[in-house]
Amino acid sequence: MNKKFWEDMRANGFLLVDAEQRKIAIFANEGGELVIASYEGKGSCVSTICPTEFARLDELISDAKKIALDIDANLSADYKAHEVICKASDRK
């Protein structure tokens, strides 16, 4: 995937992530498949998902989102607790 590919993805509003060293595009191809294209630093990857796999994809994404949000909430709570402890230590 070259620079033009990512420019086209950007122009069509298909980019989920648009950073210099990290890009993710999601779009439908002409064959009716869902395409997920990603770029990480030096390498690119393209995956396609057939319509018969969409329902399972939705389930997996939903489950993974719940787990990720729980992890993030716990990390945020740990970080906030750490900040409170550090501030209390600074006051001594």
PDB file of N, CA and C in Angstrom:
ATOM      1  N   MET A   1       0.853  -1.168   0.000  1.00  0.00           N
ATOM      2  CA  MET A   1       0.000   0.000   0.000  1.00  0.00           C
ATOM      3  C   MET A   1       0.899   1.232   0.000  1.00  0.00           C
ATOM      4  N   ASN A   2       0.659   2.057  -0.959  1.00  0.00           N
ATOM      5  CA  ASN A   2       1.492   3.234  -1.117  1.00  0.00           C
ATOM      6  C   ASN A   2       0.804   4.487  -0.571  1.00  0.00           C
ATOM      7  N   LYS A   3       1.495   5.592  -0.697  1.00  0.00           N
ATOM      8  CA  LYS A   3       0.971   6.867  -0.188  1.00  0.00           C
ATOM      9  C   LYS A   3      -0.377   7.212  -0.825  1.00  0.00           C
ATOM     10  N   LYS A   4      -0.532   6.928  -2.109  1.00  0.00           N
ATOM     11  CA  LYS A   4      -1.791   7.230  -2.807  1.00  0.00           C
ATOM     12  C   LYS A   4      -2.952   6.445  -2.200  1.00  0.00           C
ATOM     13  N   PHE A   5      -2.717   5.182  -1.855  1.00  0.00           N
ATOM     14  CA  PHE A   5      -3.756   4.372  -1.227  1.00  0.00           C
ATOM     15  C   PHE A   5      -4.274   5.064   0.030  1.00  0.00           C
ATOM     16  N   TRP A   6      -3.355   5.484   0.904  1.00  0.00           N
ATOM     17  CA  TRP A   6      -3.759   6.118   2.163  1.00  0.00           C
ATOM     18  C   TRP A   6      -4.399   7.477   1.923  1.00  0.00           C
ATOM     19  N   GLU A   7      -3.937   8.190   0.901  1.00  0.00           N
ATOM     20  CA  GLU A   7      -4.582   9.467   0.548  1.00  0.00           C
ATOM     21  C   GLU A   7      -6.022   9.231   0.095  1.00  0.00           C
ATOM     22  N   ASP A   8      -6.232   8.190  -0.707  1.00  0.00           N
ATOM     23  CA  ASP A   8      -7.589   7.838  -1.158  1.00  0.00           C
ATOM     24  C   ASP A   8      -8.472   7.438   0.026  1.00  0.00           C
ATOM     25  N   MET A   9      -7.917   6.662   0.949  1.00  0.00           N
ATOM     26  CA  MET A   9      -8.668   6.249   2.137  1.00  0.00           C
ATOM     27  C   MET A   9      -9.086   7.478   2.956  1.00  0.00           C
ATOM     28  N   ARG A  10      -8.148   8.413   3.094  1.00  0.00           N
ATOM     29  CA  ARG A  10      -8.432   9.647   3.829  1.00  0.00           C
ATOM     30  C   ARG A  10      -9.518  10.453   3.122  1.00  0.00           C
ATOM     31  N   ALA A  11      -9.390  10.610   1.817  1.00  0.00           N
ATOM     32  CA  ALA A  11     -10.348  11.408   1.033  1.00  0.00           C
ATOM     33  C   ALA A  11     -11.760  10.824   1.098  1.00  0.00           C
ATOM     34  N   ASN A  12     -11.858   9.504   1.204  1.00  0.00           N
ATOM     35  CA  ASN A  12     -13.161   8.836   1.245  1.00  0.00           C
ATOM     36  C   ASN A  12     -13.701   8.646   2.659  1.00  0.00           C
ATOM     37  N   GLY A  13     -12.958   9.115   3.656  1.00  0.00           N
ATOM     38  CA  GLY A  13     -13.419   9.006   5.040  1.00  0.00           C
ATOM     39  C   GLY A  13     -13.346   7.613   5.621  1.00  0.00           C
ATOM     40  N   PHE A  14     -12.453   6.775   5.121  1.00  0.00           N
ATOM     41  CA  PHE A  14     -12.355   5.395   5.571  1.00  0.00           C
ATOM     42  C   PHE A  14     -11.328   5.164   6.676  1.00  0.00           C
ATOM     43  N   LEU A  15     -10.599   6.208   7.061  1.00  0.00           N
ATOM     44  CA  LEU A  15      -9.547   6.018   8.048  1.00  0.00           C
ATOM     45  C   LEU A  15     -10.091   6.070   9.472  1.00  0.00           C
ATOM     46  N   LEU A  16      -9.794   5.035  10.227  1.00  0.00           N
ATOM     47  CA  LEU A  16     -10.105   5.000  11.646  1.00  0.00           C
ATOM     48  C   LEU A  16      -8.963   5.656  12.426  1.00  0.00           C
ATOM     49  N   VAL A  17      -7.733   5.339  12.034  1.00  0.00           N
ATOM     50  CA  VAL A  17      -6.526   5.912  12.626  1.00  0.00           C
ATOM     51  C   VAL A  17      -5.713   6.517  11.498  1.00  0.00           C
ATOM     52  N   ASP A  18      -5.250   7.748  11.700  1.00  0.00           N
ATOM     53  CA  ASP A  18      -4.501   8.448  10.651  1.00  0.00           C
ATOM     54  C   ASP A  18      -3.303   9.170  11.254  1.00  0.00           C
ATOM     55  N   ALA A  19      -2.332   8.383  11.706  1.00  0.00           N
ATOM     56  CA  ALA A  19      -1.093   8.934  12.243  1.00  0.00           C
ATOM     57  C   ALA A  19       0.039   8.570  11.282  1.00  0.00           C
ATOM     58  N   GLU A  20       1.144   9.277  11.392  1.00  0.00           N
ATOM     59  CA  GLU A  20       2.235   9.038  10.441  1.00  0.00           C
ATOM     60  C   GLU A  20       2.736   7.595  10.465  1.00  0.00           C
ATOM     61  N   GLN A  21       2.893   7.027  11.642  1.00  0.00           N
ATOM     62  CA  GLN A  21       3.441   5.678  11.759  1.00  0.00           C
ATOM     63  C   GLN A  21       2.391   4.605  12.039  1.00  0.00           C
ATOM     64  N   ARG A  22       1.125   5.005  12.023  1.00  0.00           N
ATOM     65  CA  ARG A  22       0.053   4.033  12.289  1.00  0.00           C
ATOM     66  C   ARG A  22      -1.206   4.466  11.565  1.00  0.00           C
ATOM     67  N   LYS A  23      -1.721   3.585  10.722  1.00  0.00           N
ATOM     68  CA  LYS A  23      -2.946   3.883   9.973  1.00  0.00           C
ATOM     69  C   LYS A  23      -3.828   2.641   9.955  1.00  0.00           C
ATOM     70  N   ILE A  24      -5.133   2.866  10.053  1.00  0.00           N
ATOM     71  CA  ILE A  24      -6.096   1.775   9.911  1.00  0.00           C
ATOM     72  C   ILE A  24      -7.255   2.298   9.075  1.00  0.00           C
ATOM     73  N   ALA A  25      -7.561   1.579   8.000  1.00  0.00           N
ATOM     74  CA  ALA A  25      -8.688   1.927   7.134  1.00  0.00           C
ATOM     75  C   ALA A  25      -9.664   0.754   7.122  1.00  0.00           C
ATOM     76  N   ILE A  26     -10.955   1.090   7.112  1.00  0.00           N
ATOM     77  CA  ILE A  26     -11.994   0.068   7.048  1.00  0.00           C
ATOM     78  C   ILE A  26     -12.976   0.473   5.955  1.00  0.00           C
ATOM     79  N   PHE A  27     -13.212  -0.434   5.009  1.00  0.00           N
ATOM     80  CA  PHE A  27     -14.101  -0.121   3.890  1.00  0.00           C
ATOM     81  C   PHE A  27     -14.616  -1.408   3.258  1.00  0.00           C
ATOM     82  N   ALA A  28     -15.601  -1.276   2.398  1.00  0.00           N
ATOM     83  CA  ALA A  28     -16.140  -2.417   1.654  1.00  0.00           C
ATOM     84  C   ALA A  28     -15.491  -2.460   0.277  1.00  0.00           C
ATOM     85  N   ASN A  29     -15.119  -3.649  -0.162  1.00  0.00           N
ATOM     86  CA  ASN A  29     -14.561  -3.764  -1.510  1.00  0.00           C
ATOM     87  C   ASN A  29     -15.668  -4.099  -2.508  1.00  0.00           C
ATOM     88  N   GLU A  30     -15.302  -4.184  -3.772  1.00  0.00           N
ATOM     89  CA  GLU A  30     -16.286  -4.430  -4.833  1.00  0.00           C
ATOM     90  C   GLU A  30     -16.872  -5.837  -4.792  1.00  0.00           C
ATOM     91  N   GLY A  31     -16.249  -6.718  -4.007  1.00  0.00           N
ATOM     92  CA  GLY A  31     -16.758  -8.081  -3.874  1.00  0.00           C
ATOM     93  C   GLY A  31     -17.709  -8.245  -2.692  1.00  0.00           C
ATOM     94  N   GLY A  32     -18.021  -7.130  -2.010  1.00  0.00           N
ATOM     95  CA  GLY A  32     -18.941  -7.186  -0.886  1.00  0.00           C
ATOM     96  C   GLY A  32     -18.294  -7.625   0.415  1.00  0.00           C
ATOM     97  N   GLU A  33     -16.976  -7.599   0.455  1.00  0.00           N
ATOM     98  CA  GLU A  33     -16.269  -7.970   1.679  1.00  0.00           C
ATOM     99  C   GLU A  33     -15.902  -6.710   2.462  1.00  0.00           C
ATOM    100  N   LEU A  34     -15.740  -6.882   3.754  1.00  0.00           N
ATOM    101  CA  LEU A  34     -15.223  -5.824   4.603  1.00  0.00           C
ATOM    102  C   LEU A  34     -13.708  -5.924   4.550  1.00  0.00           C
ATOM    103  N   VAL A  35     -13.048  -4.809   4.340  1.00  0.00           N
ATOM    104  CA  VAL A  35     -11.591  -4.788   4.262  1.00  0.00           C
ATOM    105  C   VAL A  35     -11.051  -3.965   5.423  1.00  0.00           C
ATOM    106  N   ILE A  36     -10.079  -4.530   6.107  1.00  0.00           N
ATOM    107  CA  ILE A  36      -9.362  -3.799   7.148  1.00  0.00           C
ATOM    108  C   ILE A  36      -7.908  -3.742   6.711  1.00  0.00           C
ATOM    109  N   ALA A  37      -7.446  -2.537   6.445  1.00  0.00           N
ATOM    110  CA  ALA A  37      -6.067  -2.325   6.019  1.00  0.00           C
ATOM    111  C   ALA A  37      -5.351  -1.577   7.133  1.00  0.00           C
ATOM    112  N   SER A  38      -4.128  -2.019   7.443  1.00  0.00           N
ATOM    113  CA  SER A  38      -3.384  -1.338   8.493  1.00  0.00           C
ATOM    114  C   SER A  38      -1.930  -1.151   8.086  1.00  0.00           C
ATOM    115  N   TYR A  39      -1.355  -0.132   8.678  1.00  0.00           N
ATOM    116  CA  TYR A  39       0.058   0.181   8.468  1.00  0.00           C
ATOM    117  C   TYR A  39       0.659   0.471   9.835  1.00  0.00           C
ATOM    118  N   GLU A  40       1.740  -0.210  10.147  1.00  0.00           N
ATOM    119  CA  GLU A  40       2.454  -0.003  11.408  1.00  0.00           C
ATOM    120  C   GLU A  40       3.931   0.197  11.087  1.00  0.00           C
ATOM    121  N   GLY A  41       4.372   1.433  11.083  1.00  0.00           N
ATOM    122  CA  GLY A  41       5.782   1.705  10.838  1.00  0.00           C
ATOM    123  C   GLY A  41       6.220   1.355   9.440  1.00  0.00           C
ATOM    124  N   LYS A  42       6.769   0.165   9.274  1.00  0.00           N
ATOM    125  CA  LYS A  42       7.296  -0.237   7.967  1.00  0.00           C
ATOM    126  C   LYS A  42       6.449  -1.259   7.236  1.00  0.00           C
ATOM    127  N   GLY A  43       5.481  -1.875   7.920  1.00  0.00           N
ATOM    128  CA  GLY A  43       4.734  -2.950   7.282  1.00  0.00           C
ATOM    129  C   GLY A  43       3.252  -2.687   7.188  1.00  0.00           C
ATOM    130  N   SER A  44       2.653  -3.250   6.140  1.00  0.00           N
ATOM    131  CA  SER A  44       1.217  -3.125   5.919  1.00  0.00           C
ATOM    132  C   SER A  44       0.570  -4.499   5.952  1.00  0.00           C
ATOM    133  N   CYS A  45      -0.725  -4.502   6.242  1.00  0.00           N
ATOM    134  CA  CYS A  45      -1.485  -5.746   6.272  1.00  0.00           C
ATOM    135  C   CYS A  45      -2.899  -5.453   5.792  1.00  0.00           C
ATOM    136  N   VAL A  46      -3.454  -6.381   5.020  1.00  0.00           N
ATOM    137  CA  VAL A  46      -4.840  -6.260   4.565  1.00  0.00           C
ATOM    138  C   VAL A  46      -5.563  -7.553   4.913  1.00  0.00           C
ATOM    139  N   SER A  47      -6.715  -7.409   5.567  1.00  0.00           N
ATOM    140  CA  SER A  47      -7.559  -8.564   5.882  1.00  0.00           C
ATOM    141  C   SER A  47      -8.941  -8.313   5.307  1.00  0.00           C
ATOM    142  N   THR A  48      -9.562  -9.374   4.805  1.00  0.00           N
ATOM    143  CA  THR A  48     -10.931  -9.254   4.309  1.00  0.00           C
ATOM    144  C   THR A  48     -11.834 -10.149   5.142  1.00  0.00           C
ATOM    145  N   ILE A  49     -13.070  -9.698   5.303  1.00  0.00           N
ATOM    146  CA  ILE A  49     -14.059 -10.449   6.070  1.00  0.00           C
ATOM    147  C   ILE A  49     -15.287 -10.613   5.189  1.00  0.00           C
ATOM    148  N   CYS A  50     -15.691 -11.848   4.992  1.00  0.00           N
ATOM    149  CA  CYS A  50     -16.843 -12.166   4.138  1.00  0.00           C
ATOM    150  C   CYS A  50     -18.149 -11.835   4.846  1.00  0.00           C
ATOM    151  N   PRO A  51     -19.200 -11.525   4.083  1.00  0.00           N
ATOM    152  CA  PRO A  51     -20.497 -11.222   4.697  1.00  0.00           C
ATOM    153  C   PRO A  51     -20.994 -12.311   5.647  1.00  0.00           C
ATOM    154  N   THR A  52     -20.687 -13.566   5.357  1.00  0.00           N
ATOM    155  CA  THR A  52     -21.125 -14.648   6.242  1.00  0.00           C
ATOM    156  C   THR A  52     -20.417 -14.608   7.595  1.00  0.00           C
ATOM    157  N   GLU A  53     -19.359 -13.836   7.698  1.00  0.00           N
ATOM    158  CA  GLU A  53     -18.597 -13.727   8.942  1.00  0.00           C
ATOM    159  C   GLU A  53     -18.941 -12.465   9.740  1.00  0.00           C
ATOM    160  N   PHE A  54     -19.801 -11.591   9.196  1.00  0.00           N
ATOM    161  CA  PHE A  54     -20.103 -10.312   9.849  1.00  0.00           C
ATOM    162  C   PHE A  54     -20.724 -10.476  11.233  1.00  0.00           C
ATOM    163  N   ALA A  55     -21.665 -11.391  11.394  1.00  0.00           N
ATOM    164  CA  ALA A  55     -22.330 -11.560  12.687  1.00  0.00           C
ATOM    165  C   ALA A  55     -21.326 -11.961  13.761  1.00  0.00           C
ATOM    166  N   ARG A  56     -20.460 -12.901  13.437  1.00  0.00           N
ATOM    167  CA  ARG A  56     -19.441 -13.338  14.413  1.00  0.00           C
ATOM    168  C   ARG A  56     -18.456 -12.209  14.689  1.00  0.00           C
ATOM    169  N   LEU A  57     -18.106 -11.442  13.679  1.00  0.00           N
ATOM    170  CA  LEU A  57     -17.222 -10.291  13.866  1.00  0.00           C
ATOM    171  C   LEU A  57     -17.837  -9.306  14.855  1.00  0.00           C
ATOM    172  N   ASP A  58     -19.121  -9.014  14.689  1.00  0.00           N
ATOM    173  CA  ASP A  58     -19.824  -8.110  15.608  1.00  0.00           C
ATOM    174  C   ASP A  58     -19.748  -8.628  17.039  1.00  0.00           C
ATOM    175  N   GLU A  59     -19.963  -9.939  17.219  1.00  0.00           N
ATOM    176  CA  GLU A  59     -19.895 -10.533  18.557  1.00  0.00           C
ATOM    177  C   GLU A  59     -18.499 -10.392  19.158  1.00  0.00           C
ATOM    178  N   LEU A  60     -17.495 -10.721  18.367  1.00  0.00           N
ATOM    179  CA  LEU A  60     -16.124 -10.662  18.871  1.00  0.00           C
ATOM    180  C   LEU A  60     -15.713  -9.232  19.210  1.00  0.00           C
ATOM    181  N   ILE A  61     -16.090  -8.280  18.366  1.00  0.00           N
ATOM    182  CA  ILE A  61     -15.761  -6.883  18.651  1.00  0.00           C
ATOM    183  C   ILE A  61     -16.478  -6.418  19.906  1.00  0.00           C
ATOM    184  N   SER A  62     -17.733  -6.756  20.044  1.00  0.00           N
ATOM    185  CA  SER A  62     -18.498  -6.360  21.225  1.00  0.00           C
ATOM    186  C   SER A  62     -17.867  -6.922  22.495  1.00  0.00           C
ATOM    187  N   ASP A  63     -17.520  -8.206  22.486  1.00  0.00           N
ATOM    188  CA  ASP A  63     -16.891  -8.834  23.649  1.00  0.00           C
ATOM    189  C   ASP A  63     -15.536  -8.197  23.953  1.00  0.00           C
ATOM    190  N   ALA A  64     -14.733  -7.990  22.923  1.00  0.00           N
ATOM    191  CA  ALA A  64     -13.405  -7.407  23.121  1.00  0.00           C
ATOM    192  C   ALA A  64     -13.500  -5.971  23.631  1.00  0.00           C
ATOM    193  N   LYS A  65     -14.482  -5.205  23.141  1.00  0.00           N
ATOM    194  CA  LYS A  65     -14.664  -3.831  23.611  1.00  0.00           C
ATOM    195  C   LYS A  65     -14.982  -3.803  25.095  1.00  0.00           C
ATOM    196  N   LYS A  66     -15.865  -4.682  25.536  1.00  0.00           N
ATOM    197  CA  LYS A  66     -16.222  -4.730  26.960  1.00  0.00           C
ATOM    198  C   LYS A  66     -14.995  -5.012  27.813  1.00  0.00           C
ATOM    199  N   ILE A  67     -14.207  -5.985  27.411  1.00  0.00           N
ATOM    200  CA  ILE A  67     -13.000  -6.342  28.162  1.00  0.00           C
ATOM    201  C   ILE A  67     -12.009  -5.178  28.148  1.00  0.00           C
ATOM    202  N   ALA A  68     -11.801  -4.581  26.984  1.00  0.00           N
ATOM    203  CA  ALA A  68     -10.859  -3.459  26.879  1.00  0.00           C
ATOM    204  C   ALA A  68     -11.298  -2.278  27.734  1.00  0.00           C
ATOM    205  N   LEU A  69     -12.599  -1.983  27.756  1.00  0.00           N
ATOM    206  CA  LEU A  69     -13.093  -0.873  28.573  1.00  0.00           C
ATOM    207  C   LEU A  69     -12.922  -1.163  30.056  1.00  0.00           C
ATOM    208  N   ASP A  70     -13.137  -2.413  30.472  1.00  0.00           N
ATOM    209  CA  ASP A  70     -12.898  -2.789  31.869  1.00  0.00           C
ATOM    210  C   ASP A  70     -11.426  -2.617  32.234  1.00  0.00           C
ATOM    211  N   ILE A  71     -10.559  -3.090  31.371  1.00  0.00           N
ATOM    212  CA  ILE A  71      -9.116  -2.952  31.614  1.00  0.00           C
ATOM    213  C   ILE A  71      -8.739  -1.477  31.689  1.00  0.00           C
ATOM    214  N   ASP A  72      -9.245  -0.689  30.755  1.00  0.00           N
ATOM    215  CA  ASP A  72      -8.940   0.743  30.740  1.00  0.00           C
ATOM    216  C   ASP A  72      -9.438   1.427  32.013  1.00  0.00           C
ATOM    217  N   ALA A  73     -10.629   1.079  32.461  1.00  0.00           N
ATOM    218  CA  ALA A  73     -11.182   1.673  33.681  1.00  0.00           C
ATOM    219  C   ALA A  73     -10.308   1.325  34.886  1.00  0.00           C
ATOM    220  N   ASN A  74      -9.843   0.068  34.950  1.00  0.00           N
ATOM    221  CA  ASN A  74      -8.970  -0.337  36.051  1.00  0.00           C
ATOM    222  C   ASN A  74      -7.628   0.370  35.982  1.00  0.00           C
ATOM    223  N   LEU A  75      -7.087   0.507  34.781  1.00  0.00           N
ATOM    224  CA  LEU A  75      -5.819   1.219  34.631  1.00  0.00           C
ATOM    225  C   LEU A  75      -5.977   2.683  35.017  1.00  0.00           C
ATOM    226  N   SER A  76      -7.098   3.288  34.611  1.00  0.00           N
ATOM    227  CA  SER A  76      -7.358   4.680  34.949  1.00  0.00           C
ATOM    228  C   SER A  76      -7.474   4.849  36.458  1.00  0.00           C
ATOM    229  N   ALA A  77      -8.158   3.921  37.120  1.00  0.00           N
ATOM    230  CA  ALA A  77      -8.302   3.983  38.567  1.00  0.00           C
ATOM    231  C   ALA A  77      -6.944   3.821  39.247  1.00  0.00           C
ATOM    232  N   ASP A  78      -6.131   2.881  38.753  1.00  0.00           N
ATOM    233  CA  ASP A  78      -4.789   2.688  39.311  1.00  0.00           C
ATOM    234  C   ASP A  78      -3.938   3.939  39.121  1.00  0.00           C
ATOM    235  N   TYR A  79      -4.041   4.552  37.958  1.00  0.00           N
ATOM    236  CA  TYR A  79      -3.268   5.759  37.668  1.00  0.00           C
ATOM    237  C   TYR A  79      -3.697   6.897  38.591  1.00  0.00           C
ATOM    238  N   LYS A  80      -5.000   7.055  38.766  1.00  0.00           N
ATOM    239  CA  LYS A  80      -5.506   8.116  39.645  1.00  0.00           C
ATOM    240  C   LYS A  80      -5.057   7.885  41.080  1.00  0.00           C
ATOM    241  N   ALA A  81      -5.101   6.636  41.527  1.00  0.00           N
ATOM    242  CA  ALA A  81      -4.642   6.319  42.883  1.00  0.00           C
ATOM    243  C   ALA A  81      -3.161   6.633  43.030  1.00  0.00           C
ATOM    244  N   HIS A  82      -2.386   6.306  42.027  1.00  0.00           N
ATOM    245  CA  HIS A  82      -0.947   6.600  42.039  1.00  0.00           C
ATOM    246  C   HIS A  82      -0.706   8.114  42.116  1.00  0.00           C
ATOM    247  N   GLU A  83      -1.496   8.891  41.362  1.00  0.00           N
ATOM    248  CA  GLU A  83      -1.361  10.349  41.407  1.00  0.00           C
ATOM    249  C   GLU A  83      -1.635  10.889  42.801  1.00  0.00           C
ATOM    250  N   VAL A  84      -2.682  10.384  43.453  1.00  0.00           N
ATOM    251  CA  VAL A  84      -3.045  10.825  44.794  1.00  0.00           C
ATOM    252  C   VAL A  84      -1.910  10.509  45.769  1.00  0.00           C
ATOM    253  N   ILE A  85      -1.357   9.300  45.670  1.00  0.00           N
ATOM    254  CA  ILE A  85      -0.268   8.904  46.556  1.00  0.00           C
ATOM    255  C   ILE A  85       0.956   9.797  46.321  1.00  0.00           C
ATOM    256  N   CYS A  86       1.270  10.068  45.069  1.00  0.00           N
ATOM    257  CA  CYS A  86       2.427  10.922  44.749  1.00  0.00           C
ATOM    258  C   CYS A  86       2.219  12.350  45.286  1.00  0.00           C
ATOM    259  N   LYS A  87       1.042  12.888  45.119  1.00  0.00           N
ATOM    260  CA  LYS A  87       0.757  14.243  45.606  1.00  0.00           C
ATOM    261  C   LYS A  87       0.847  14.281  47.126  1.00  0.00           C
ATOM    262  N   ALA A  88       0.336  13.244  47.775  1.00  0.00           N
ATOM    263  CA  ALA A  88       0.403  13.188  49.239  1.00  0.00           C
ATOM    264  C   ALA A  88       1.849  13.100  49.690  1.00  0.00           C
ATOM    265  N   SER A  89       2.684  12.360  48.977  1.00  0.00           N
ATOM    266  CA  SER A  89       4.096  12.242  49.315  1.00  0.00           C
ATOM    267  C   SER A  89       4.829  13.555  49.130  1.00  0.00           C
ATOM    268  N   ASP A  90       4.443  14.309  48.105  1.00  0.00           N
ATOM    269  CA  ASP A  90       5.074  15.602  47.835  1.00  0.00           C
ATOM    270  C   ASP A  90       4.775  16.615  48.923  1.00  0.00           C
ATOM    271  N   ARG A  91       3.648  16.476  49.602  1.00  0.00           N
ATOM    272  CA  ARG A  91       3.241  17.442  50.624  1.00  0.00           C
ATOM    273  C   ARG A  91       3.995  17.245  51.948  1.00  0.00           C
ATOM    274  N   LYS A  92       4.610  16.105  52.107  1.00  0.00           N
ATOM    275  CA  LYS A  92       5.310  15.814  53.370  1.00  0.00           C
ATOM    276  C   LYS A  92       6.617  16.549  53.475  1.00  0.00           C
TER     277      LYS A  92
END
